[in-house]
Amino acid sequence: WKEFSQLGRDVPILIFVIWAFTGAVYTGGHGIAT
């Protein structure tokens, strides 16, 4: 609980985690060149 609440307060890390688990998977799966 403490770790997840701390993650919610750290906006840059939260954005990175969301990108790593959604954006990177989406661009890799659809063959979008980066």
PDB file of all heavy atoms in Angstrom:
ATOM      1  N   TRP A   1       0.829  -1.202   0.000  1.00  0.00           N
ATOM      2  CA  TRP A   1       0.000   0.000   0.000  1.00  0.00           C
ATOM      3  C   TRP A   1       0.865   1.255   0.000  1.00  0.00           C
ATOM      4  O   TRP A   1       0.595   2.222  -0.713  1.00  0.00           O
ATOM      5  CB  TRP A   1      -0.943  -0.008   1.201  1.00  0.00           C
ATOM      6  CG  TRP A   1      -1.745   1.244   1.295  1.00  0.00           C
ATOM      7  CD1 TRP A   1      -1.564   2.287   2.145  1.00  0.00           C
ATOM      8  CD2 TRP A   1      -2.850   1.599   0.459  1.00  0.00           C
ATOM      9  NE1 TRP A   1      -2.475   3.267   1.917  1.00  0.00           N
ATOM     10  CE2 TRP A   1      -3.286   2.861   0.871  1.00  0.00           C
ATOM     11  CE3 TRP A   1      -3.503   0.968  -0.590  1.00  0.00           C
ATOM     12  CZ2 TRP A   1      -4.349   3.517   0.268  1.00  0.00           C
ATOM     13  CZ3 TRP A   1      -4.565   1.618  -1.180  1.00  0.00           C
ATOM     14  CH2 TRP A   1      -4.979   2.875  -0.762  1.00  0.00           C
ATOM     15  N   LYS A   2       1.921   1.263   0.813  1.00  0.00           N
ATOM     16  CA  LYS A   2       2.823   2.417   0.888  1.00  0.00           C
ATOM     17  C   LYS A   2       3.489   2.668  -0.455  1.00  0.00           C
ATOM     18  O   LYS A   2       3.576   3.813  -0.914  1.00  0.00           O
ATOM     19  CB  LYS A   2       3.898   2.204   1.950  1.00  0.00           C
ATOM     20  CG  LYS A   2       4.877   3.365   2.037  1.00  0.00           C
ATOM     21  CD  LYS A   2       6.165   3.002   2.739  1.00  0.00           C
ATOM     22  CE  LYS A   2       7.092   2.204   1.922  1.00  0.00           C
ATOM     23  NZ  LYS A   2       8.004   2.897   1.029  1.00  0.00           N
ATOM     24  N   GLU A   3       3.956   1.626  -1.126  1.00  0.00           N
ATOM     25  CA  GLU A   3       4.639   1.787  -2.407  1.00  0.00           C
ATOM     26  C   GLU A   3       3.700   2.321  -3.491  1.00  0.00           C
ATOM     27  O   GLU A   3       4.065   3.186  -4.267  1.00  0.00           O
ATOM     28  CB  GLU A   3       5.273   0.468  -2.853  1.00  0.00           C
ATOM     29  CG  GLU A   3       6.451   0.036  -2.002  1.00  0.00           C
ATOM     30  CD  GLU A   3       7.598   1.034  -2.042  1.00  0.00           C
ATOM     31  OE1 GLU A   3       7.851   1.643  -3.087  1.00  0.00           O
ATOM     32  OE2 GLU A   3       8.246   1.184  -0.992  1.00  0.00           O
ATOM     33  N   PHE A   4       2.480   1.801  -3.524  1.00  0.00           N
ATOM     34  CA  PHE A   4       1.530   2.285  -4.527  1.00  0.00           C
ATOM     35  C   PHE A   4       1.090   3.712  -4.244  1.00  0.00           C
ATOM     36  O   PHE A   4       0.885   4.501  -5.164  1.00  0.00           O
ATOM     37  CB  PHE A   4       0.326   1.348  -4.641  1.00  0.00           C
ATOM     38  CG  PHE A   4       0.582   0.187  -5.545  1.00  0.00           C
ATOM     39  CD1 PHE A   4       0.728  -1.088  -5.026  1.00  0.00           C
ATOM     40  CD2 PHE A   4       0.699   0.367  -6.919  1.00  0.00           C
ATOM     41  CE1 PHE A   4       0.981  -2.164  -5.859  1.00  0.00           C
ATOM     42  CE2 PHE A   4       0.953  -0.702  -7.756  1.00  0.00           C
ATOM     43  CZ  PHE A   4       1.091  -1.968  -7.224  1.00  0.00           C
ATOM     44  N   SER A   5       0.941   4.079  -2.971  1.00  0.00           N
ATOM     45  CA  SER A   5       0.578   5.461  -2.658  1.00  0.00           C
ATOM     46  C   SER A   5       1.728   6.408  -2.992  1.00  0.00           C
ATOM     47  O   SER A   5       1.510   7.521  -3.474  1.00  0.00           O
ATOM     48  CB  SER A   5       0.173   5.600  -1.196  1.00  0.00           C
ATOM     49  OG  SER A   5       1.265   5.336  -0.346  1.00  0.00           O
ATOM     50  N   GLN A   6       2.960   5.981  -2.780  1.00  0.00           N
ATOM     51  CA  GLN A   6       4.119   6.792  -3.142  1.00  0.00           C
ATOM     52  C   GLN A   6       4.213   6.934  -4.660  1.00  0.00           C
ATOM     53  O   GLN A   6       4.527   8.000  -5.168  1.00  0.00           O
ATOM     54  CB  GLN A   6       5.399   6.160  -2.598  1.00  0.00           C
ATOM     55  CG  GLN A   6       6.636   6.998  -2.810  1.00  0.00           C
ATOM     56  CD  GLN A   6       6.593   8.290  -2.019  1.00  0.00           C
ATOM     57  OE1 GLN A   6       6.009   8.358  -0.952  1.00  0.00           O
ATOM     58  NE2 GLN A   6       7.191   9.324  -2.552  1.00  0.00           N
ATOM     59  N   LEU A   7       3.917   5.866  -5.394  1.00  0.00           N
ATOM     60  CA  LEU A   7       3.920   5.919  -6.857  1.00  0.00           C
ATOM     61  C   LEU A   7       2.877   6.902  -7.359  1.00  0.00           C
ATOM     62  O   LEU A   7       3.110   7.625  -8.331  1.00  0.00           O
ATOM     63  CB  LEU A   7       3.669   4.522  -7.426  1.00  0.00           C
ATOM     64  CG  LEU A   7       3.642   4.409  -8.950  1.00  0.00           C
ATOM     65  CD1 LEU A   7       5.015   4.681  -9.526  1.00  0.00           C
ATOM     66  CD2 LEU A   7       3.165   3.031  -9.357  1.00  0.00           C
ATOM     67  N   GLY A   8       1.737   6.973  -6.720  1.00  0.00           N
ATOM     68  CA  GLY A   8       0.685   7.906  -7.120  1.00  0.00           C
ATOM     69  C   GLY A   8       1.080   9.355  -6.919  1.00  0.00           C
ATOM     70  O   GLY A   8       0.587  10.244  -7.601  1.00  0.00           O
ATOM     71  N   ARG A   9       1.981   9.630  -5.982  1.00  0.00           N
ATOM     72  CA  ARG A   9       2.426  11.000  -5.728  1.00  0.00           C
ATOM     73  C   ARG A   9       3.542  11.445  -6.664  1.00  0.00           C
ATOM     74  O   ARG A   9       3.760  12.637  -6.836  1.00  0.00           O
ATOM     75  CB  ARG A   9       2.919  11.122  -4.286  1.00  0.00           C
ATOM     76  CG  ARG A   9       1.811  11.126  -3.290  1.00  0.00           C
ATOM     77  CD  ARG A   9       2.354  11.409  -1.890  1.00  0.00           C
ATOM     78  NE  ARG A   9       1.642  10.538  -0.971  1.00  0.00           N
ATOM     79  CZ  ARG A   9       2.203   9.673  -0.154  1.00  0.00           C
ATOM     80  NH1 ARG A   9       3.503   9.587  -0.083  1.00  0.00           N
ATOM     81  NH2 ARG A   9       1.470   8.916   0.623  1.00  0.00           N
ATOM     82  N   ASP A  10       4.260  10.510  -7.247  1.00  0.00           N
ATOM     83  CA  ASP A  10       5.396  10.833  -8.121  1.00  0.00           C
ATOM     84  C   ASP A  10       4.921  10.794  -9.571  1.00  0.00           C
ATOM     85  O   ASP A  10       4.952   9.755 -10.231  1.00  0.00           O
ATOM     86  CB  ASP A  10       6.521   9.829  -7.879  1.00  0.00           C
ATOM     87  CG  ASP A  10       7.837  10.291  -8.457  1.00  0.00           C
ATOM     88  OD1 ASP A  10       7.881  11.375  -9.057  1.00  0.00           O
ATOM     89  OD2 ASP A  10       8.828   9.549  -8.305  1.00  0.00           O
ATOM     90  N   VAL A  11       4.500  11.945 -10.092  1.00  0.00           N
ATOM     91  CA  VAL A  11       3.874  12.019 -11.408  1.00  0.00           C
ATOM     92  C   VAL A  11       4.810  11.594 -12.544  1.00  0.00           C
ATOM     93  O   VAL A  11       4.392  10.823 -13.414  1.00  0.00           O
ATOM     94  CB  VAL A  11       3.301  13.435 -11.642  1.00  0.00           C
ATOM     95  CG1 VAL A  11       2.735  13.571 -13.044  1.00  0.00           C
ATOM     96  CG2 VAL A  11       2.228  13.729 -10.612  1.00  0.00           C
ATOM     97  N   PRO A  12       6.065  12.041 -12.595  1.00  0.00           N
ATOM     98  CA  PRO A  12       6.924  11.590 -13.715  1.00  0.00           C
ATOM     99  C   PRO A  12       7.116  10.077 -13.761  1.00  0.00           C
ATOM    100  O   PRO A  12       7.075   9.474 -14.835  1.00  0.00           O
ATOM    101  CB  PRO A  12       8.252  12.302 -13.465  1.00  0.00           C
ATOM    102  CG  PRO A  12       7.910  13.492 -12.653  1.00  0.00           C
ATOM    103  CD  PRO A  12       6.754  13.070 -11.806  1.00  0.00           C
ATOM    104  N   ILE A  13       7.306   9.454 -12.618  1.00  0.00           N
ATOM    105  CA  ILE A  13       7.456   7.999 -12.592  1.00  0.00           C
ATOM    106  C   ILE A  13       6.160   7.326 -13.008  1.00  0.00           C
ATOM    107  O   ILE A  13       6.170   6.326 -13.734  1.00  0.00           O
ATOM    108  CB  ILE A  13       7.895   7.527 -11.184  1.00  0.00           C
ATOM    109  CG1 ILE A  13       9.273   8.059 -10.847  1.00  0.00           C
ATOM    110  CG2 ILE A  13       7.863   6.013 -11.078  1.00  0.00           C
ATOM    111  CD1 ILE A  13      10.395   7.481 -11.656  1.00  0.00           C
ATOM    112  N   LEU A  14       5.029   7.872 -12.574  1.00  0.00           N
ATOM    113  CA  LEU A  14       3.736   7.308 -12.940  1.00  0.00           C
ATOM    114  C   LEU A  14       3.519   7.382 -14.454  1.00  0.00           C
ATOM    115  O   LEU A  14       3.062   6.414 -15.065  1.00  0.00           O
ATOM    116  CB  LEU A  14       2.617   8.042 -12.203  1.00  0.00           C
ATOM    117  CG  LEU A  14       1.219   7.489 -12.357  1.00  0.00           C
ATOM    118  CD1 LEU A  14       1.151   6.069 -11.824  1.00  0.00           C
ATOM    119  CD2 LEU A  14       0.223   8.375 -11.638  1.00  0.00           C
ATOM    120  N   ILE A  15       3.872   8.498 -15.060  1.00  0.00           N
ATOM    121  CA  ILE A  15       3.761   8.633 -16.520  1.00  0.00           C
ATOM    122  C   ILE A  15       4.663   7.620 -17.212  1.00  0.00           C
ATOM    123  O   ILE A  15       4.266   6.979 -18.188  1.00  0.00           O
ATOM    124  CB  ILE A  15       4.087  10.075 -16.958  1.00  0.00           C
ATOM    125  CG1 ILE A  15       2.978  11.009 -16.477  1.00  0.00           C
ATOM    126  CG2 ILE A  15       4.259  10.169 -18.461  1.00  0.00           C
ATOM    127  CD1 ILE A  15       3.289  12.465 -16.659  1.00  0.00           C
ATOM    128  N   PHE A  16       5.879   7.453 -16.713  1.00  0.00           N
ATOM    129  CA  PHE A  16       6.794   6.480 -17.306  1.00  0.00           C
ATOM    130  C   PHE A  16       6.251   5.063 -17.203  1.00  0.00           C
ATOM    131  O   PHE A  16       6.330   4.285 -18.154  1.00  0.00           O
ATOM    132  CB  PHE A  16       8.171   6.570 -16.645  1.00  0.00           C
ATOM    133  CG  PHE A  16       9.118   5.518 -17.129  1.00  0.00           C
ATOM    134  CD1 PHE A  16       9.700   5.634 -18.376  1.00  0.00           C
ATOM    135  CD2 PHE A  16       9.400   4.409 -16.353  1.00  0.00           C
ATOM    136  CE1 PHE A  16      10.558   4.650 -18.845  1.00  0.00           C
ATOM    137  CE2 PHE A  16      10.258   3.425 -16.810  1.00  0.00           C
ATOM    138  CZ  PHE A  16      10.838   3.554 -18.060  1.00  0.00           C
ATOM    139  N   VAL A  17       5.701   4.708 -16.052  1.00  0.00           N
ATOM    140  CA  VAL A  17       5.162   3.358 -15.867  1.00  0.00           C
ATOM    141  C   VAL A  17       3.982   3.120 -16.798  1.00  0.00           C
ATOM    142  O   VAL A  17       3.871   2.057 -17.426  1.00  0.00           O
ATOM    143  CB  VAL A  17       4.769   3.133 -14.387  1.00  0.00           C
ATOM    144  CG1 VAL A  17       3.930   1.890 -14.216  1.00  0.00           C
ATOM    145  CG2 VAL A  17       6.015   3.062 -13.526  1.00  0.00           C
ATOM    146  N   ILE A  18       3.111   4.118 -16.920  1.00  0.00           N
ATOM    147  CA  ILE A  18       1.970   3.975 -17.834  1.00  0.00           C
ATOM    148  C   ILE A  18       2.466   3.813 -19.263  1.00  0.00           C
ATOM    149  O   ILE A  18       1.967   2.972 -20.017  1.00  0.00           O
ATOM    150  CB  ILE A  18       1.015   5.172 -17.681  1.00  0.00           C
ATOM    151  CG1 ILE A  18       0.313   5.090 -16.327  1.00  0.00           C
ATOM    152  CG2 ILE A  18      -0.004   5.200 -18.813  1.00  0.00           C
ATOM    153  CD1 ILE A  18      -0.478   6.321 -15.976  1.00  0.00           C
ATOM    154  N   TRP A  19       3.454   4.614 -19.661  1.00  0.00           N
ATOM    155  CA  TRP A  19       4.005   4.487 -21.019  1.00  0.00           C
ATOM    156  C   TRP A  19       4.640   3.111 -21.220  1.00  0.00           C
ATOM    157  O   TRP A  19       4.444   2.473 -22.253  1.00  0.00           O
ATOM    158  CB  TRP A  19       5.029   5.571 -21.303  1.00  0.00           C
ATOM    159  CG  TRP A  19       5.860   5.271 -22.509  1.00  0.00           C
ATOM    160  CD1 TRP A  19       7.154   4.885 -22.540  1.00  0.00           C
ATOM    161  CD2 TRP A  19       5.424   5.282 -23.876  1.00  0.00           C
ATOM    162  NE1 TRP A  19       7.563   4.661 -23.824  1.00  0.00           N
ATOM    163  CE2 TRP A  19       6.515   4.900 -24.670  1.00  0.00           C
ATOM    164  CE3 TRP A  19       4.218   5.571 -24.497  1.00  0.00           C
ATOM    165  CZ2 TRP A  19       6.443   4.810 -26.038  1.00  0.00           C
ATOM    166  CZ3 TRP A  19       4.153   5.481 -25.867  1.00  0.00           C
ATOM    167  CH2 TRP A  19       5.257   5.104 -26.629  1.00  0.00           C
ATOM    168  N   ALA A  20       5.394   2.652 -20.244  1.00  0.00           N
ATOM    169  CA  ALA A  20       6.103   1.382 -20.401  1.00  0.00           C
ATOM    170  C   ALA A  20       5.146   0.215 -20.565  1.00  0.00           C
ATOM    171  O   ALA A  20       5.440  -0.724 -21.314  1.00  0.00           O
ATOM    172  CB  ALA A  20       7.017   1.154 -19.199  1.00  0.00           C
ATOM    173  N   PHE A  21       4.013   0.263 -19.892  1.00  0.00           N
ATOM    174  CA  PHE A  21       3.103  -0.876 -19.941  1.00  0.00           C
ATOM    175  C   PHE A  21       1.965  -0.728 -20.941  1.00  0.00           C
ATOM    176  O   PHE A  21       1.233  -1.674 -21.166  1.00  0.00           O
ATOM    177  CB  PHE A  21       2.542  -1.169 -18.551  1.00  0.00           C
ATOM    178  CG  PHE A  21       3.573  -1.738 -17.638  1.00  0.00           C
ATOM    179  CD1 PHE A  21       4.113  -0.973 -16.623  1.00  0.00           C
ATOM    180  CD2 PHE A  21       4.044  -3.027 -17.814  1.00  0.00           C
ATOM    181  CE1 PHE A  21       5.083  -1.487 -15.786  1.00  0.00           C
ATOM    182  CE2 PHE A  21       5.006  -3.547 -16.983  1.00  0.00           C
ATOM    183  CZ  PHE A  21       5.528  -2.788 -15.966  1.00  0.00           C
ATOM    184  N   THR A  22       1.795   0.456 -21.518  1.00  0.00           N
ATOM    185  CA  THR A  22       0.729   0.617 -22.510  1.00  0.00           C
ATOM    186  C   THR A  22       1.273   1.147 -23.833  1.00  0.00           C
ATOM    187  O   THR A  22       1.103   0.522 -24.866  1.00  0.00           O
ATOM    188  CB  THR A  22      -0.372   1.556 -22.000  1.00  0.00           C
ATOM    189  OG1 THR A  22       0.204   2.820 -21.663  1.00  0.00           O
ATOM    190  CG2 THR A  22      -1.089   0.978 -20.811  1.00  0.00           C
ATOM    191  N   GLY A  23       1.905   2.301 -23.796  1.00  0.00           N
ATOM    192  CA  GLY A  23       2.371   2.937 -25.029  1.00  0.00           C
ATOM    193  C   GLY A  23       3.421   2.132 -25.757  1.00  0.00           C
ATOM    194  O   GLY A  23       3.354   1.958 -26.974  1.00  0.00           O
ATOM    195  N   ALA A  24       4.394   1.624 -25.034  1.00  0.00           N
ATOM    196  CA  ALA A  24       5.452   0.853 -25.687  1.00  0.00           C
ATOM    197  C   ALA A  24       4.918  -0.453 -26.250  1.00  0.00           C
ATOM    198  O   ALA A  24       5.312  -0.882 -27.342  1.00  0.00           O
ATOM    199  CB  ALA A  24       6.585   0.581 -24.695  1.00  0.00           C
ATOM    200  N   VAL A  25       4.003  -1.068 -25.537  1.00  0.00           N
ATOM    201  CA  VAL A  25       3.409  -2.316 -26.028  1.00  0.00           C
ATOM    202  C   VAL A  25       2.558  -2.036 -27.275  1.00  0.00           C
ATOM    203  O   VAL A  25       2.595  -2.773 -28.256  1.00  0.00           O
ATOM    204  CB  VAL A  25       2.573  -2.993 -24.915  1.00  0.00           C
ATOM    205  CG1 VAL A  25       1.789  -4.161 -25.462  1.00  0.00           C
ATOM    206  CG2 VAL A  25       3.483  -3.428 -23.785  1.00  0.00           C
ATOM    207  N   TYR A  26       1.800  -0.945 -27.252  1.00  0.00           N
ATOM    208  CA  TYR A  26       0.947  -0.591 -28.395  1.00  0.00           C
ATOM    209  C   TYR A  26       1.787  -0.284 -29.635  1.00  0.00           C
ATOM    210  O   TYR A  26       1.517  -0.800 -30.716  1.00  0.00           O
ATOM    211  CB  TYR A  26       0.070   0.614 -28.048  1.00  0.00           C
ATOM    212  CG  TYR A  26      -0.808   1.051 -29.178  1.00  0.00           C
ATOM    213  CD1 TYR A  26      -1.991   0.383 -29.459  1.00  0.00           C
ATOM    214  CD2 TYR A  26      -0.457   2.125 -29.982  1.00  0.00           C
ATOM    215  CE1 TYR A  26      -2.802   0.772 -30.507  1.00  0.00           C
ATOM    216  CE2 TYR A  26      -1.260   2.525 -31.036  1.00  0.00           C
ATOM    217  CZ  TYR A  26      -2.430   1.843 -31.281  1.00  0.00           C
ATOM    218  OH  TYR A  26      -3.221   2.236 -32.322  1.00  0.00           O
ATOM    219  N   THR A  27       2.816   0.554 -29.494  1.00  0.00           N
ATOM    220  CA  THR A  27       3.638   0.900 -30.656  1.00  0.00           C
ATOM    221  C   THR A  27       4.414  -0.304 -31.164  1.00  0.00           C
ATOM    222  O   THR A  27       4.590  -0.469 -32.368  1.00  0.00           O
ATOM    223  CB  THR A  27       4.618   2.043 -30.333  1.00  0.00           C
ATOM    224  OG1 THR A  27       5.444   1.663 -29.232  1.00  0.00           O
ATOM    225  CG2 THR A  27       3.885   3.325 -30.025  1.00  0.00           C
ATOM    226  N   GLY A  28       4.864  -1.162 -30.269  1.00  0.00           N
ATOM    227  CA  GLY A  28       5.569  -2.368 -30.704  1.00  0.00           C
ATOM    228  C   GLY A  28       4.651  -3.355 -31.389  1.00  0.00           C
ATOM    229  O   GLY A  28       5.011  -3.992 -32.377  1.00  0.00           O
ATOM    230  N   GLY A  29       3.439  -3.471 -30.894  1.00  0.00           N
ATOM    231  CA  GLY A  29       2.488  -4.417 -31.473  1.00  0.00           C
ATOM    232  C   GLY A  29       1.932  -3.980 -32.812  1.00  0.00           C
ATOM    233  O   GLY A  29       1.588  -4.803 -33.655  1.00  0.00           O
ATOM    234  N   HIS A  30       1.846  -2.683 -33.033  1.00  0.00           N
ATOM    235  CA  HIS A  30       1.295  -2.179 -34.286  1.00  0.00           C
ATOM    236  C   HIS A  30       2.380  -1.828 -35.302  1.00  0.00           C
ATOM    237  O   HIS A  30       2.064  -1.317 -36.377  1.00  0.00           O
ATOM    238  CB  HIS A  30       0.409  -0.963 -34.030  1.00  0.00           C
ATOM    239  CG  HIS A  30      -0.909  -1.333 -33.425  1.00  0.00           C
ATOM    240  ND1 HIS A  30      -1.931  -1.850 -34.155  1.00  0.00           N
ATOM    241  CD2 HIS A  30      -1.341  -1.301 -32.144  1.00  0.00           C
ATOM    242  CE1 HIS A  30      -2.951  -2.100 -33.367  1.00  0.00           C
ATOM    243  NE2 HIS A  30      -2.603  -1.779 -32.121  1.00  0.00           N
ATOM    244  N   GLY A  31       3.603  -2.066 -34.964  1.00  0.00           N
ATOM    245  CA  GLY A  31       4.692  -1.838 -35.907  1.00  0.00           C
ATOM    246  C   GLY A  31       4.969  -0.374 -36.182  1.00  0.00           C
ATOM    247  O   GLY A  31       5.437  -0.014 -37.262  1.00  0.00           O
ATOM    248  N   ILE A  32       4.671   0.496 -35.236  1.00  0.00           N
ATOM    249  CA  ILE A  32       4.930   1.921 -35.407  1.00  0.00           C
ATOM    250  C   ILE A  32       6.415   2.160 -35.160  1.00  0.00           C
ATOM    251  O   ILE A  32       6.953   1.802 -34.115  1.00  0.00           O
ATOM    252  CB  ILE A  32       4.072   2.752 -34.439  1.00  0.00           C
ATOM    253  CG1 ILE A  32       2.594   2.524 -34.741  1.00  0.00           C
ATOM    254  CG2 ILE A  32       4.427   4.226 -34.524  1.00  0.00           C
ATOM    255  CD1 ILE A  32       1.656   3.140 -33.726  1.00  0.00           C
ATOM    256  N   ALA A  33       7.075   2.753 -36.128  1.00  0.00           N
ATOM    257  CA  ALA A  33       8.516   2.991 -36.013  1.00  0.00           C
ATOM    258  C   ALA A  33       8.783   4.154 -35.065  1.00  0.00           C
ATOM    259  O   ALA A  33       8.142   5.194 -35.147  1.00  0.00           O
ATOM    260  CB  ALA A  33       9.100   3.295 -37.379  1.00  0.00           C
ATOM    261  N   THR A  34       9.728   3.964 -34.169  1.00  0.00           N
ATOM    262  CA  THR A  34      10.118   5.027 -33.255  1.00  0.00           C
ATOM    263  C   THR A  34      11.518   5.541 -33.564  1.00  0.00           C
ATOM    264  O   THR A  34      12.053   6.343 -32.811  1.00  0.00           O
ATOM    265  CB  THR A  34      10.059   4.531 -31.803  1.00  0.00           C
ATOM    266  OG1 THR A  34      10.888   3.376 -31.670  1.00  0.00           O
ATOM    267  CG2 THR A  34       8.636   4.193 -31.398  1.00  0.00           C
TER     268      THR A  34
END
